[in-house]
PDB file of all heavy atoms in Angstrom:
ATOM      1  N   ARG A   1       3.285  20.330  -6.686  1.00  0.00           N
ATOM      2  CA  ARG A   1       3.227  19.922  -5.285  1.00  0.00           C
ATOM      3  C   ARG A   1       2.608  18.524  -5.175  1.00  0.00           C
ATOM      4  O   ARG A   1       3.041  17.709  -4.372  1.00  0.00           O
ATOM      5  CB  ARG A   1       2.418  20.938  -4.493  1.00  0.00           C
ATOM      6  CG  ARG A   1       2.388  20.676  -3.016  1.00  0.00           C
ATOM      7  CD  ARG A   1       1.768  21.843  -2.298  1.00  0.00           C
ATOM      8  NE  ARG A   1       1.508  21.487  -0.918  1.00  0.00           N
ATOM      9  CZ  ARG A   1       0.743  22.164  -0.117  1.00  0.00           C
ATOM     10  NH1 ARG A   1       0.161  23.265  -0.549  1.00  0.00           N
ATOM     11  NH2 ARG A   1       0.547  21.787   1.117  1.00  0.00           N
ATOM     12  N   LEU A   2       1.598  18.250  -5.984  1.00  0.00           N
ATOM     13  CA  LEU A   2       0.958  16.949  -5.975  1.00  0.00           C
ATOM     14  C   LEU A   2       1.936  15.863  -6.426  1.00  0.00           C
ATOM     15  O   LEU A   2       2.016  14.792  -5.837  1.00  0.00           O
ATOM     16  CB  LEU A   2      -0.270  16.961  -6.881  1.00  0.00           C
ATOM     17  CG  LEU A   2      -1.113  15.694  -6.923  1.00  0.00           C
ATOM     18  CD1 LEU A   2      -1.700  15.400  -5.551  1.00  0.00           C
ATOM     19  CD2 LEU A   2      -2.214  15.832  -7.943  1.00  0.00           C
ATOM     20  N   ALA A   3       2.723  16.147  -7.459  1.00  0.00           N
ATOM     21  CA  ALA A   3       3.697  15.173  -7.955  1.00  0.00           C
ATOM     22  C   ALA A   3       4.773  14.897  -6.919  1.00  0.00           C
ATOM     23  O   ALA A   3       5.148  13.751  -6.697  1.00  0.00           O
ATOM     24  CB  ALA A   3       4.316  15.675  -9.252  1.00  0.00           C
ATOM     25  N   SER A   4       5.271  15.933  -6.260  1.00  0.00           N
ATOM     26  CA  SER A   4       6.312  15.715  -5.256  1.00  0.00           C
ATOM     27  C   SER A   4       5.758  14.986  -4.051  1.00  0.00           C
ATOM     28  O   SER A   4       6.437  14.195  -3.420  1.00  0.00           O
ATOM     29  CB  SER A   4       6.934  17.047  -4.828  1.00  0.00           C
ATOM     30  OG  SER A   4       5.975  17.827  -4.129  1.00  0.00           O
ATOM     31  N   LYS A   5       4.479  15.195  -3.738  1.00  0.00           N
ATOM     32  CA  LYS A   5       3.870  14.506  -2.607  1.00  0.00           C
ATOM     33  C   LYS A   5       3.736  13.019  -2.887  1.00  0.00           C
ATOM     34  O   LYS A   5       4.012  12.191  -2.036  1.00  0.00           O
ATOM     35  CB  LYS A   5       2.488  15.103  -2.312  1.00  0.00           C
ATOM     36  CG  LYS A   5       1.789  14.447  -1.141  1.00  0.00           C
ATOM     37  CD  LYS A   5       0.447  15.090  -0.886  1.00  0.00           C
ATOM     38  CE  LYS A   5      -0.223  14.415   0.304  1.00  0.00           C
ATOM     39  NZ  LYS A   5      -1.534  14.961   0.568  1.00  0.00           N
ATOM     40  N   THR A   6       3.344  12.677  -4.102  1.00  0.00           N
ATOM     41  CA  THR A   6       3.163  11.259  -4.416  1.00  0.00           C
ATOM     42  C   THR A   6       4.491  10.534  -4.525  1.00  0.00           C
ATOM     43  O   THR A   6       4.567   9.352  -4.245  1.00  0.00           O
ATOM     44  CB  THR A   6       2.376  11.070  -5.729  1.00  0.00           C
ATOM     45  OG1 THR A   6       3.055  11.750  -6.766  1.00  0.00           O
ATOM     46  CG2 THR A   6       0.963  11.575  -5.600  1.00  0.00           C
ATOM     47  N   ILE A   7       5.550  11.236  -4.898  1.00  0.00           N
ATOM     48  CA  ILE A   7       6.847  10.576  -5.007  1.00  0.00           C
ATOM     49  C   ILE A   7       7.489  10.422  -3.638  1.00  0.00           C
ATOM     50  O   ILE A   7       7.999   9.371  -3.301  1.00  0.00           O
ATOM     51  CB  ILE A   7       7.778  11.377  -5.946  1.00  0.00           C
ATOM     52  CG1 ILE A   7       7.252  11.278  -7.371  1.00  0.00           C
ATOM     53  CG2 ILE A   7       9.207  10.874  -5.858  1.00  0.00           C
ATOM     54  CD1 ILE A   7       7.941  12.201  -8.338  1.00  0.00           C
ATOM     55  N   SER A   8       7.431  11.448  -2.808  1.00  0.00           N
ATOM     56  CA  SER A   8       8.148  11.406  -1.548  1.00  0.00           C
ATOM     57  C   SER A   8       7.359  10.754  -0.424  1.00  0.00           C
ATOM     58  O   SER A   8       7.932  10.277   0.532  1.00  0.00           O
ATOM     59  CB  SER A   8       8.546  12.828  -1.123  1.00  0.00           C
ATOM     60  OG  SER A   8       7.372  13.603  -0.897  1.00  0.00           O
ATOM     61  N   GLN A   9       6.023  10.738  -0.505  1.00  0.00           N
ATOM     62  CA  GLN A   9       5.222  10.188   0.564  1.00  0.00           C
ATOM     63  C   GLN A   9       4.386   9.032   0.028  1.00  0.00           C
ATOM     64  O   GLN A   9       3.992   9.030  -1.134  1.00  0.00           O
ATOM     65  CB  GLN A   9       4.296  11.262   1.136  1.00  0.00           C
ATOM     66  CG  GLN A   9       5.042  12.409   1.771  1.00  0.00           C
ATOM     67  CD  GLN A   9       4.078  13.499   2.229  1.00  0.00           C
ATOM     68  OE1 GLN A   9       2.889  13.425   1.989  1.00  0.00           O
ATOM     69  NE2 GLN A   9       4.610  14.497   2.888  1.00  0.00           N
ATOM     70  N   PRO A  10       4.086   8.059   0.903  1.00  0.00           N
ATOM     71  CA  PRO A  10       3.229   6.969   0.449  1.00  0.00           C
ATOM     72  C   PRO A  10       1.807   7.462   0.205  1.00  0.00           C
ATOM     73  O   PRO A  10       1.423   8.524   0.672  1.00  0.00           O
ATOM     74  CB  PRO A  10       3.276   5.972   1.616  1.00  0.00           C
ATOM     75  CG  PRO A  10       3.674   6.781   2.796  1.00  0.00           C
ATOM     76  CD  PRO A  10       4.523   7.909   2.269  1.00  0.00           C
ATOM     77  N   LEU A  11       1.040   6.688  -0.539  1.00  0.00           N
ATOM     78  CA  LEU A  11      -0.342   7.044  -0.790  1.00  0.00           C
ATOM     79  C   LEU A  11      -1.111   7.118   0.518  1.00  0.00           C
ATOM     80  O   LEU A  11      -0.754   6.469   1.500  1.00  0.00           O
ATOM     81  CB  LEU A  11      -0.991   5.998  -1.704  1.00  0.00           C
ATOM     82  CG  LEU A  11      -0.351   5.832  -3.072  1.00  0.00           C
ATOM     83  CD1 LEU A  11      -0.993   4.652  -3.788  1.00  0.00           C
ATOM     84  CD2 LEU A  11      -0.530   7.092  -3.881  1.00  0.00           C
ATOM     85  N   GLU A  12      -2.176   7.905   0.528  1.00  0.00           N
ATOM     86  CA  GLU A  12      -2.948   8.048   1.751  1.00  0.00           C
ATOM     87  C   GLU A  12      -3.528   6.713   2.197  1.00  0.00           C
ATOM     88  O   GLU A  12      -3.608   6.423   3.375  1.00  0.00           O
ATOM     89  CB  GLU A  12      -4.051   9.082   1.564  1.00  0.00           C
ATOM     90  CG  GLU A  12      -3.494  10.491   1.445  1.00  0.00           C
ATOM     91  CD  GLU A  12      -4.592  11.527   1.271  1.00  0.00           C
ATOM     92  OE1 GLU A  12      -5.763  11.214   1.504  1.00  0.00           O
ATOM     93  OE2 GLU A  12      -4.251  12.650   0.908  1.00  0.00           O
ATOM     94  N   ASN A  13      -3.960   5.898   1.248  1.00  0.00           N
ATOM     95  CA  ASN A  13      -4.466   4.580   1.603  1.00  0.00           C
ATOM     96  C   ASN A  13      -3.335   3.692   2.093  1.00  0.00           C
ATOM     97  O   ASN A  13      -3.538   2.813   2.889  1.00  0.00           O
ATOM     98  CB  ASN A  13      -5.140   3.917   0.409  1.00  0.00           C
ATOM     99  CG  ASN A  13      -6.372   4.648  -0.016  1.00  0.00           C
ATOM    100  OD1 ASN A  13      -6.928   5.460   0.731  1.00  0.00           O
ATOM    101  ND2 ASN A  13      -6.813   4.387  -1.224  1.00  0.00           N
ATOM    102  N   GLY A  14      -2.149   3.925   1.586  1.00  0.00           N
ATOM    103  CA  GLY A  14      -0.983   3.144   1.971  1.00  0.00           C
ATOM    104  C   GLY A  14      -1.004   1.776   1.324  1.00  0.00           C
ATOM    105  O   GLY A  14      -1.952   1.397   0.654  1.00  0.00           O
ATOM    106  N   PRO A  15       0.046   1.036   1.524  1.00  0.00           N
ATOM    107  CA  PRO A  15       0.082  -0.307   0.967  1.00  0.00           C
ATOM    108  C   PRO A  15      -0.958  -1.190   1.642  1.00  0.00           C
ATOM    109  O   PRO A  15      -1.375  -0.926   2.759  1.00  0.00           O
ATOM    110  CB  PRO A  15       1.495  -0.788   1.278  1.00  0.00           C
ATOM    111  CG  PRO A  15       2.208   0.324   1.919  1.00  0.00           C
ATOM    112  CD  PRO A  15       1.246   1.419   2.194  1.00  0.00           C
ATOM    113  N   GLN A  16      -1.346  -2.234   0.950  1.00  0.00           N
ATOM    114  CA  GLN A  16      -2.313  -3.168   1.501  1.00  0.00           C
ATOM    115  C   GLN A  16      -1.686  -3.896   2.685  1.00  0.00           C
ATOM    116  O   GLN A  16      -0.485  -4.108   2.738  1.00  0.00           O
ATOM    117  CB  GLN A  16      -2.721  -4.183   0.433  1.00  0.00           C
ATOM    118  CG  GLN A  16      -3.445  -3.589  -0.731  1.00  0.00           C
ATOM    119  CD  GLN A  16      -4.819  -3.103  -0.345  1.00  0.00           C
ATOM    120  OE1 GLN A  16      -5.486  -3.685   0.483  1.00  0.00           O
ATOM    121  NE2 GLN A  16      -5.243  -2.016  -0.936  1.00  0.00           N
ATOM    122  N   PRO A  17      -2.493  -4.302   3.650  1.00  0.00           N
ATOM    123  CA  PRO A  17      -1.950  -5.060   4.777  1.00  0.00           C
ATOM    124  C   PRO A  17      -1.480  -6.433   4.312  1.00  0.00           C
ATOM    125  O   PRO A  17      -1.877  -6.906   3.254  1.00  0.00           O
ATOM    126  CB  PRO A  17      -3.152  -5.177   5.726  1.00  0.00           C
ATOM    127  CG  PRO A  17      -4.339  -5.001   4.870  1.00  0.00           C
ATOM    128  CD  PRO A  17      -3.920  -4.083   3.750  1.00  0.00           C
ATOM    129  N   PRO A  18      -0.632  -7.074   5.113  1.00  0.00           N
ATOM    130  CA  PRO A  18      -0.116  -8.373   4.702  1.00  0.00           C
ATOM    131  C   PRO A  18      -1.186  -9.444   4.573  1.00  0.00           C
ATOM    132  O   PRO A  18      -0.955 -10.479   3.980  1.00  0.00           O
ATOM    133  CB  PRO A  18       0.902  -8.725   5.788  1.00  0.00           C
ATOM    134  CG  PRO A  18       0.634  -7.810   6.918  1.00  0.00           C
ATOM    135  CD  PRO A  18      -0.069  -6.614   6.363  1.00  0.00           C
ATOM    136  N   GLY A  19      -2.389  -9.205   5.086  1.00  0.00           N
ATOM    137  CA  GLY A  19      -3.474 -10.175   4.982  1.00  0.00           C
ATOM    138  C   GLY A  19      -3.866 -10.469   3.547  1.00  0.00           C
ATOM    139  O   GLY A  19      -4.364 -11.552   3.249  1.00  0.00           O
ATOM    140  N   ILE A  20      -3.623  -9.527   2.658  1.00  0.00           N
ATOM    141  CA  ILE A  20      -3.961  -9.732   1.242  1.00  0.00           C
ATOM    142  C   ILE A  20      -3.090 -10.834   0.651  1.00  0.00           C
ATOM    143  O   ILE A  20      -3.414 -11.403  -0.378  1.00  0.00           O
ATOM    144  CB  ILE A  20      -3.835  -8.404   0.455  1.00  0.00           C
ATOM    145  CG1 ILE A  20      -4.581  -8.449  -0.874  1.00  0.00           C
ATOM    146  CG2 ILE A  20      -2.397  -8.057   0.207  1.00  0.00           C
ATOM    147  CD1 ILE A  20      -6.031  -8.261  -0.761  1.00  0.00           C
ATOM    148  N   ILE A  21      -1.999 -11.159   1.307  1.00  0.00           N
ATOM    149  CA  ILE A  21      -1.125 -12.261   0.897  1.00  0.00           C
ATOM    150  C   ILE A  21      -1.371 -13.487   1.785  1.00  0.00           C
ATOM    151  O   ILE A  21      -1.408 -14.614   1.299  1.00  0.00           O
ATOM    152  CB  ILE A  21       0.361 -11.837   0.992  1.00  0.00           C
ATOM    153  CG1 ILE A  21       0.640 -10.633   0.108  1.00  0.00           C
ATOM    154  CG2 ILE A  21       1.291 -12.991   0.675  1.00  0.00           C
ATOM    155  CD1 ILE A  21       0.454 -10.864  -1.364  1.00  0.00           C
ATOM    156  N   LYS A  22      -1.562 -13.266   3.086  1.00  0.00           N
ATOM    157  CA  LYS A  22      -1.686 -14.385   4.021  1.00  0.00           C
ATOM    158  C   LYS A  22      -2.924 -15.241   3.772  1.00  0.00           C
ATOM    159  O   LYS A  22      -2.859 -16.462   3.855  1.00  0.00           O
ATOM    160  CB  LYS A  22      -1.730 -13.856   5.458  1.00  0.00           C
ATOM    161  CG  LYS A  22      -0.443 -13.270   5.945  1.00  0.00           C
ATOM    162  CD  LYS A  22      -0.626 -12.752   7.355  1.00  0.00           C
ATOM    163  CE  LYS A  22       0.558 -11.971   7.835  1.00  0.00           C
ATOM    164  NZ  LYS A  22       0.315 -11.384   9.149  1.00  0.00           N
ATOM    165  N   VAL A  23      -4.044 -14.609   3.486  1.00  0.00           N
ATOM    166  CA  VAL A  23      -5.289 -15.371   3.330  1.00  0.00           C
ATOM    167  C   VAL A  23      -5.228 -16.310   2.124  1.00  0.00           C
ATOM    168  O   VAL A  23      -5.487 -17.514   2.275  1.00  0.00           O
ATOM    169  CB  VAL A  23      -6.506 -14.414   3.268  1.00  0.00           C
ATOM    170  CG1 VAL A  23      -7.764 -15.165   2.921  1.00  0.00           C
ATOM    171  CG2 VAL A  23      -6.663 -13.684   4.591  1.00  0.00           C
ATOM    172  N   PRO A  24      -4.858 -15.832   0.910  1.00  0.00           N
ATOM    173  CA  PRO A  24      -4.754 -16.790  -0.197  1.00  0.00           C
ATOM    174  C   PRO A  24      -3.673 -17.846   0.028  1.00  0.00           C
ATOM    175  O   PRO A  24      -3.815 -18.988  -0.421  1.00  0.00           O
ATOM    176  CB  PRO A  24      -4.404 -15.923  -1.408  1.00  0.00           C
ATOM    177  CG  PRO A  24      -4.690 -14.540  -1.028  1.00  0.00           C
ATOM    178  CD  PRO A  24      -4.663 -14.469   0.451  1.00  0.00           C
ATOM    179  N   LEU A  25      -2.615 -17.481   0.742  1.00  0.00           N
ATOM    180  CA  LEU A  25      -1.561 -18.445   1.048  1.00  0.00           C
ATOM    181  C   LEU A  25      -2.102 -19.572   1.918  1.00  0.00           C
ATOM    182  O   LEU A  25      -1.846 -20.754   1.658  1.00  0.00           O
ATOM    183  CB  LEU A  25      -0.395 -17.734   1.747  1.00  0.00           C
ATOM    184  CG  LEU A  25       0.833 -18.558   2.057  1.00  0.00           C
ATOM    185  CD1 LEU A  25       1.514 -18.976   0.761  1.00  0.00           C
ATOM    186  CD2 LEU A  25       1.795 -17.750   2.908  1.00  0.00           C
ATOM    187  N   LEU A  26      -2.888 -19.216   2.917  1.00  0.00           N
ATOM    188  CA  LEU A  26      -3.478 -20.222   3.800  1.00  0.00           C
ATOM    189  C   LEU A  26      -4.505 -21.069   3.050  1.00  0.00           C
ATOM    190  O   LEU A  26      -4.546 -22.298   3.207  1.00  0.00           O
ATOM    191  CB  LEU A  26      -4.133 -19.540   5.005  1.00  0.00           C
ATOM    192  CG  LEU A  26      -4.691 -20.457   6.081  1.00  0.00           C
ATOM    193  CD1 LEU A  26      -3.585 -21.325   6.654  1.00  0.00           C
ATOM    194  CD2 LEU A  26      -5.351 -19.646   7.168  1.00  0.00           C
ATOM    195  N   ILE A  27      -5.317 -20.442   2.210  1.00  0.00           N
ATOM    196  CA  ILE A  27      -6.308 -21.191   1.428  1.00  0.00           C
ATOM    197  C   ILE A  27      -5.611 -22.178   0.486  1.00  0.00           C
ATOM    198  O   ILE A  27      -6.024 -23.330   0.363  1.00  0.00           O
ATOM    199  CB  ILE A  27      -7.223 -20.227   0.648  1.00  0.00           C
ATOM    200  CG1 ILE A  27      -8.109 -19.460   1.623  1.00  0.00           C
ATOM    201  CG2 ILE A  27      -8.068 -20.980  -0.370  1.00  0.00           C
ATOM    202  CD1 ILE A  27      -8.877 -18.327   0.990  1.00  0.00           C
TER     203      ILE A  27
END
C-alpha cells in the first residue's frame, strides 16, 4: 500500500515551490 501510494500520489511535502528556482535566478 505504501509503494502504490508513493507511485500514484505526490509526496506529502509535495514539490518545492517555484521560489527555489526564482530566487537564485534573480540573484
